[in-house]
Amino acid sequence: MELTDVDKILAIKKKNEFLVGKIYGLYRNEFLFFLKKRNSINPDDILEIYQDAFMVLCNKIYENKLNADNLKSSLKSYLFGVGIRIAYNVNRKNGNRLEQDPFETPDMPDDEPGLGEENEKIIQKAVNDMGEPCHTILVKQYWEDKKAEEIAIEMNYKNTDTAKTQKYKCIQKLKNELRNKIVYQS
């Protein structure tokens, strides 16, 4: 029996581990192949990008920001769009500038506003005030530029996926903390 997008959304919403695992696997290889052909991303980062994109998809569904009523494309297209945006940002972070953003969408402009010195201080304070393990994970990831594998080993996590999941939760916590505190500059 093939699941419809509505079935997939309901399975994720209900946190049906078996079906969520099936949904994860359903798009994984196609996404990895797609990104390898279309982007100059380090191959080691591609799986992490897919995992991050899948976590974003699930969280949007958990928070009811994405549901059967407001899904404007296929679930696969939505997932790939999120992954492509993450890949583009990874490219930018790694200094691989593209002439133009090939993944530009109307709600995500290419020219992001600068953070500014004041906002950097706000972010640094928020990270410093975070409890463990979030403070350590975010410092290792973004200030020390360590990969998830290194973080998992250093923090004695069971595996890399555990470190990635914890990092994602910490980022969400940080975003909530920073909401309405960051001032965007043009």
C-alpha atoms as a PDB file:
ATOM      1  CA  MET A   1       0.000   0.000   0.000  1.00  0.00           C
ATOM      2  CA  GLU A   2       1.413   3.367  -1.029  1.00  0.00           C
ATOM      3  CA  LEU A   3       1.022   6.249   1.418  1.00  0.00           C
ATOM      4  CA  THR A   4      -0.394   9.560   0.245  1.00  0.00           C
ATOM      5  CA  ASP A   5       1.115  12.835   1.433  1.00  0.00           C
ATOM      6  CA  VAL A   6      -1.800  13.183   3.873  1.00  0.00           C
ATOM      7  CA  ASP A   7      -1.016   9.713   5.273  1.00  0.00           C
ATOM      8  CA  LYS A   8       2.647  10.655   5.617  1.00  0.00           C
ATOM      9  CA  ILE A   9       1.826  13.900   7.441  1.00  0.00           C
ATOM     10  CA  LEU A  10      -0.485  12.037   9.835  1.00  0.00           C
ATOM     11  CA  ALA A  11       2.156   9.362  10.482  1.00  0.00           C
ATOM     12  CA  ILE A  12       4.741  12.027  11.312  1.00  0.00           C
ATOM     13  CA  LYS A  13       2.244  13.982  13.431  1.00  0.00           C
ATOM     14  CA  LYS A  14       1.439  10.822  15.431  1.00  0.00           C
ATOM     15  CA  LYS A  15       5.178  10.047  15.697  1.00  0.00           C
ATOM     16  CA  ASN A  16       4.688   6.552  14.279  1.00  0.00           C
ATOM     17  CA  GLU A  17       8.337   5.497  14.386  1.00  0.00           C
ATOM     18  CA  PHE A  18       7.966   2.702  11.860  1.00  0.00           C
ATOM     19  CA  LEU A  19       6.283   4.899   9.231  1.00  0.00           C
ATOM     20  CA  VAL A  20       8.513   7.887   9.934  1.00  0.00           C
ATOM     21  CA  GLY A  21      11.506   5.625   9.306  1.00  0.00           C
ATOM     22  CA  LYS A  22       9.928   4.433   6.054  1.00  0.00           C
ATOM     23  CA  ILE A  23       9.226   8.029   4.974  1.00  0.00           C
ATOM     24  CA  TYR A  24      12.800   9.028   5.844  1.00  0.00           C
ATOM     25  CA  GLY A  25      14.169   6.182   3.731  1.00  0.00           C
ATOM     26  CA  LEU A  26      11.736   6.800   0.884  1.00  0.00           C
ATOM     27  CA  TYR A  27      13.371  10.072  -0.177  1.00  0.00           C
ATOM     28  CA  ARG A  28      16.891   9.660   1.196  1.00  0.00           C
ATOM     29  CA  ASN A  29      18.790   8.140  -1.742  1.00  0.00           C
ATOM     30  CA  GLU A  30      17.033  10.263  -4.332  1.00  0.00           C
ATOM     31  CA  PHE A  31      17.867  13.411  -2.351  1.00  0.00           C
ATOM     32  CA  LEU A  32      21.523  12.395  -1.950  1.00  0.00           C
ATOM     33  CA  PHE A  33      21.829  11.709  -5.684  1.00  0.00           C
ATOM     34  CA  PHE A  34      20.010  14.962  -6.521  1.00  0.00           C
ATOM     35  CA  LEU A  35      22.323  17.071  -4.365  1.00  0.00           C
ATOM     36  CA  LYS A  36      25.500  15.383  -5.595  1.00  0.00           C
ATOM     37  CA  LYS A  37      24.619  16.238  -9.196  1.00  0.00           C
ATOM     38  CA  ARG A  38      23.492  19.817  -8.667  1.00  0.00           C
ATOM     39  CA  ASN A  39      25.692  21.339  -6.032  1.00  0.00           C
ATOM     40  CA  SER A  40      29.316  21.637  -5.021  1.00  0.00           C
ATOM     41  CA  ILE A  41      28.687  20.367  -1.499  1.00  0.00           C
ATOM     42  CA  ASN A  42      31.219  18.239   0.319  1.00  0.00           C
ATOM     43  CA  PRO A  43      29.866  14.653   0.003  1.00  0.00           C
ATOM     44  CA  ASP A  44      30.288  14.167   3.759  1.00  0.00           C
ATOM     45  CA  ASP A  45      27.831  17.028   4.385  1.00  0.00           C
ATOM     46  CA  ILE A  46      25.077  15.763   2.074  1.00  0.00           C
ATOM     47  CA  LEU A  47      23.678  13.154   4.462  1.00  0.00           C
ATOM     48  CA  GLU A  48      23.724  15.659   7.321  1.00  0.00           C
ATOM     49  CA  ILE A  49      21.871  18.152   5.118  1.00  0.00           C
ATOM     50  CA  TYR A  50      19.200  15.540   4.379  1.00  0.00           C
ATOM     51  CA  GLN A  51      18.869  14.695   8.075  1.00  0.00           C
ATOM     52  CA  ASP A  52      18.546  18.369   8.987  1.00  0.00           C
ATOM     53  CA  ALA A  53      15.942  18.887   6.241  1.00  0.00           C
ATOM     54  CA  PHE A  54      13.945  15.874   7.433  1.00  0.00           C
ATOM     55  CA  MET A  55      14.045  17.203  11.016  1.00  0.00           C
ATOM     56  CA  VAL A  56      12.771  20.587   9.797  1.00  0.00           C
ATOM     57  CA  LEU A  57       9.942  18.843   7.935  1.00  0.00           C
ATOM     58  CA  CYS A  58       8.969  16.810  11.007  1.00  0.00           C
ATOM     59  CA  ASN A  59       9.100  19.822  13.313  1.00  0.00           C
ATOM     60  CA  LYS A  60       6.928  21.872  10.951  1.00  0.00           C
ATOM     61  CA  ILE A  61       4.387  19.046  11.088  1.00  0.00           C
ATOM     62  CA  TYR A  62       4.647  18.675  14.901  1.00  0.00           C
ATOM     63  CA  GLU A  63       4.062  22.419  15.299  1.00  0.00           C
ATOM     64  CA  ASN A  64       1.143  22.227  12.816  1.00  0.00           C
ATOM     65  CA  LYS A  65       2.857  24.811  10.608  1.00  0.00           C
ATOM     66  CA  LEU A  66       2.737  22.224   7.834  1.00  0.00           C
ATOM     67  CA  ASN A  67      -0.380  20.136   7.415  1.00  0.00           C
ATOM     68  CA  ALA A  68      -2.586  18.656   4.712  1.00  0.00           C
ATOM     69  CA  ASP A  69      -4.506  21.929   4.391  1.00  0.00           C
ATOM     70  CA  ASN A  70      -1.553  24.230   3.739  1.00  0.00           C
ATOM     71  CA  LEU A  71       0.814  21.925   1.824  1.00  0.00           C
ATOM     72  CA  LYS A  72       1.143  23.660  -1.556  1.00  0.00           C
ATOM     73  CA  SER A  73       3.375  21.055  -3.195  1.00  0.00           C
ATOM     74  CA  SER A  74       4.126  17.405  -2.710  1.00  0.00           C
ATOM     75  CA  LEU A  75       5.729  16.467   0.586  1.00  0.00           C
ATOM     76  CA  LYS A  76       8.782  15.349  -1.382  1.00  0.00           C
ATOM     77  CA  SER A  77       9.070  18.749  -3.087  1.00  0.00           C
ATOM     78  CA  TYR A  78       8.740  20.506   0.256  1.00  0.00           C
ATOM     79  CA  LEU A  79      11.455  18.316   1.795  1.00  0.00           C
ATOM     80  CA  PHE A  80      13.778  18.824  -1.174  1.00  0.00           C
ATOM     81  CA  GLY A  81      13.171  22.579  -1.058  1.00  0.00           C
ATOM     82  CA  VAL A  82      14.171  22.709   2.596  1.00  0.00           C
ATOM     83  CA  GLY A  83      17.227  20.561   1.876  1.00  0.00           C
ATOM     84  CA  ILE A  84      18.261  22.687  -1.067  1.00  0.00           C
ATOM     85  CA  ARG A  85      18.032  25.839   1.044  1.00  0.00           C
ATOM     86  CA  ILE A  86      20.177  24.211   3.739  1.00  0.00           C
ATOM     87  CA  ALA A  87      22.686  23.091   1.078  1.00  0.00           C
ATOM     88  CA  TYR A  88      22.879  26.591  -0.346  1.00  0.00           C
ATOM     89  CA  ASN A  89      23.546  28.017   3.115  1.00  0.00           C
ATOM     90  CA  VAL A  90      26.239  25.385   3.753  1.00  0.00           C
ATOM     91  CA  ASN A  91      27.859  26.394   0.455  1.00  0.00           C
ATOM     92  CA  ARG A  92      27.788  30.036   1.461  1.00  0.00           C
ATOM     93  CA  LYS A  93      29.185  29.255   4.920  1.00  0.00           C
ATOM     94  CA  ASN A  94      32.038  27.283   3.354  1.00  0.00           C
ATOM     95  CA  GLY A  95      32.877  30.159   1.027  1.00  0.00           C
ATOM     96  CA  ASN A  96      31.611  28.446  -2.122  1.00  0.00           C
ATOM     97  CA  ARG A  97      29.836  31.439  -3.554  1.00  0.00           C
ATOM     98  CA  LEU A  98      27.532  30.790  -6.467  1.00  0.00           C
ATOM     99  CA  GLU A  99      26.908  33.496  -9.035  1.00  0.00           C
ATOM    100  CA  GLN A 100      23.257  33.422  -8.110  1.00  0.00           C
ATOM    101  CA  ASP A 101      21.124  31.383  -5.777  1.00  0.00           C
ATOM    102  CA  PRO A 102      19.764  28.594  -8.012  1.00  0.00           C
ATOM    103  CA  PHE A 103      17.309  27.678  -5.287  1.00  0.00           C
ATOM    104  CA  GLU A 104      15.899  31.128  -4.661  1.00  0.00           C
ATOM    105  CA  THR A 105      12.333  31.130  -3.464  1.00  0.00           C
ATOM    106  CA  PRO A 106      10.146  34.204  -3.004  1.00  0.00           C
ATOM    107  CA  ASP A 107      10.004  33.883   0.783  1.00  0.00           C
ATOM    108  CA  MET A 108      13.762  33.395   1.180  1.00  0.00           C
ATOM    109  CA  PRO A 109      15.685  36.255  -0.382  1.00  0.00           C
ATOM    110  CA  ASP A 110      19.262  35.725  -1.473  1.00  0.00           C
ATOM    111  CA  ASP A 111      20.662  38.811   0.168  1.00  0.00           C
ATOM    112  CA  GLU A 112      20.306  38.188   3.866  1.00  0.00           C
ATOM    113  CA  PRO A 113      20.709  41.222   6.093  1.00  0.00           C
ATOM    114  CA  GLY A 114      23.847  41.476   8.174  1.00  0.00           C
ATOM    115  CA  LEU A 115      23.850  40.599  11.841  1.00  0.00           C
ATOM    116  CA  GLY A 116      25.767  43.553  13.128  1.00  0.00           C
ATOM    117  CA  GLU A 117      27.965  43.742  16.187  1.00  0.00           C
ATOM    118  CA  GLU A 118      25.060  44.249  18.614  1.00  0.00           C
ATOM    119  CA  ASN A 119      23.275  41.129  17.404  1.00  0.00           C
ATOM    120  CA  GLU A 120      26.454  39.078  17.582  1.00  0.00           C
ATOM    121  CA  LYS A 121      26.737  40.045  21.257  1.00  0.00           C
ATOM    122  CA  ILE A 122      23.085  39.067  21.828  1.00  0.00           C
ATOM    123  CA  ILE A 123      23.658  35.675  20.192  1.00  0.00           C
ATOM    124  CA  GLN A 124      26.888  35.079  22.104  1.00  0.00           C
ATOM    125  CA  LYS A 125      25.209  35.936  25.418  1.00  0.00           C
ATOM    126  CA  ALA A 126      22.264  33.640  24.650  1.00  0.00           C
ATOM    127  CA  VAL A 127      24.619  30.750  23.836  1.00  0.00           C
ATOM    128  CA  ASN A 128      26.704  31.423  26.954  1.00  0.00           C
ATOM    129  CA  ASP A 129      23.533  31.445  29.099  1.00  0.00           C
ATOM    130  CA  MET A 130      22.267  28.148  27.684  1.00  0.00           C
ATOM    131  CA  GLY A 131      22.504  25.144  29.950  1.00  0.00           C
ATOM    132  CA  GLU A 132      24.354  21.991  29.105  1.00  0.00           C
ATOM    133  CA  PRO A 133      24.639  20.232  26.756  1.00  0.00           C
ATOM    134  CA  CYS A 134      23.419  22.983  24.413  1.00  0.00           C
ATOM    135  CA  HIS A 135      26.125  25.500  25.290  1.00  0.00           C
ATOM    136  CA  THR A 136      28.917  23.016  24.615  1.00  0.00           C
ATOM    137  CA  ILE A 137      27.361  21.593  21.439  1.00  0.00           C
ATOM    138  CA  LEU A 138      26.774  25.010  19.865  1.00  0.00           C
ATOM    139  CA  VAL A 139      30.260  26.250  20.763  1.00  0.00           C
ATOM    140  CA  LYS A 140      31.862  23.114  19.317  1.00  0.00           C
ATOM    141  CA  GLN A 141      29.727  23.256  16.146  1.00  0.00           C
ATOM    142  CA  TYR A 142      29.785  26.954  15.289  1.00  0.00           C
ATOM    143  CA  TRP A 143      32.813  28.455  17.002  1.00  0.00           C
ATOM    144  CA  GLU A 144      35.191  25.507  16.869  1.00  0.00           C
ATOM    145  CA  ASP A 145      33.827  24.239  13.489  1.00  0.00           C
ATOM    146  CA  LYS A 146      33.660  20.630  14.646  1.00  0.00           C
ATOM    147  CA  LYS A 147      31.693  17.982  12.758  1.00  0.00           C
ATOM    148  CA  ALA A 148      28.902  15.979  14.365  1.00  0.00           C
ATOM    149  CA  GLU A 149      31.151  12.912  14.496  1.00  0.00           C
ATOM    150  CA  GLU A 150      33.731  14.777  16.589  1.00  0.00           C
ATOM    151  CA  ILE A 151      31.053  16.188  18.887  1.00  0.00           C
ATOM    152  CA  ALA A 152      29.538  12.733  19.401  1.00  0.00           C
ATOM    153  CA  ILE A 153      32.922  11.326  20.443  1.00  0.00           C
ATOM    154  CA  GLU A 154      33.886  14.261  22.666  1.00  0.00           C
ATOM    155  CA  MET A 155      30.515  14.285  24.430  1.00  0.00           C
ATOM    156  CA  ASN A 156      30.264  10.500  24.715  1.00  0.00           C
ATOM    157  CA  TYR A 157      27.064  10.225  22.678  1.00  0.00           C
ATOM    158  CA  LYS A 158      25.923   6.809  21.497  1.00  0.00           C
ATOM    159  CA  ASN A 159      26.346   7.790  17.834  1.00  0.00           C
ATOM    160  CA  THR A 160      26.541  10.697  15.399  1.00  0.00           C
ATOM    161  CA  ASP A 161      22.774  10.808  14.884  1.00  0.00           C
ATOM    162  CA  THR A 162      22.287  11.428  18.602  1.00  0.00           C
ATOM    163  CA  ALA A 163      24.655  14.391  18.416  1.00  0.00           C
ATOM    164  CA  LYS A 164      22.850  15.764  15.346  1.00  0.00           C
ATOM    165  CA  THR A 165      19.451  15.426  16.987  1.00  0.00           C
ATOM    166  CA  GLN A 166      20.673  17.141  20.136  1.00  0.00           C
ATOM    167  CA  LYS A 167      22.267  19.924  18.063  1.00  0.00           C
ATOM    168  CA  TYR A 168      18.991  20.478  16.235  1.00  0.00           C
ATOM    169  CA  LYS A 169      17.062  20.698  19.530  1.00  0.00           C
ATOM    170  CA  CYS A 170      19.606  23.185  20.849  1.00  0.00           C
ATOM    171  CA  ILE A 171      19.314  25.339  17.736  1.00  0.00           C
ATOM    172  CA  GLN A 172      15.527  25.371  18.090  1.00  0.00           C
ATOM    173  CA  LYS A 173      15.894  26.362  21.742  1.00  0.00           C
ATOM    174  CA  LEU A 174      18.304  29.153  20.751  1.00  0.00           C
ATOM    175  CA  LYS A 175      15.957  30.397  18.017  1.00  0.00           C
ATOM    176  CA  ASN A 176      13.116  30.597  20.530  1.00  0.00           C
ATOM    177  CA  GLU A 177      15.355  32.465  22.957  1.00  0.00           C
ATOM    178  CA  LEU A 178      16.438  34.952  20.258  1.00  0.00           C
ATOM    179  CA  ARG A 179      12.977  35.532  18.827  1.00  0.00           C
ATOM    180  CA  ASN A 180      12.241  39.305  18.951  1.00  0.00           C
ATOM    181  CA  LYS A 181      15.772  40.071  20.215  1.00  0.00           C
ATOM    182  CA  ILE A 182      17.600  40.170  16.874  1.00  0.00           C
ATOM    183  CA  VAL A 183      17.389  43.362  14.854  1.00  0.00           C
ATOM    184  CA  TYR A 184      17.876  42.911  11.128  1.00  0.00           C
ATOM    185  CA  GLN A 185      19.805  45.522   9.214  1.00  0.00           C
ATOM    186  CA  SER A 186      19.396  46.300   5.561  1.00  0.00           C
END
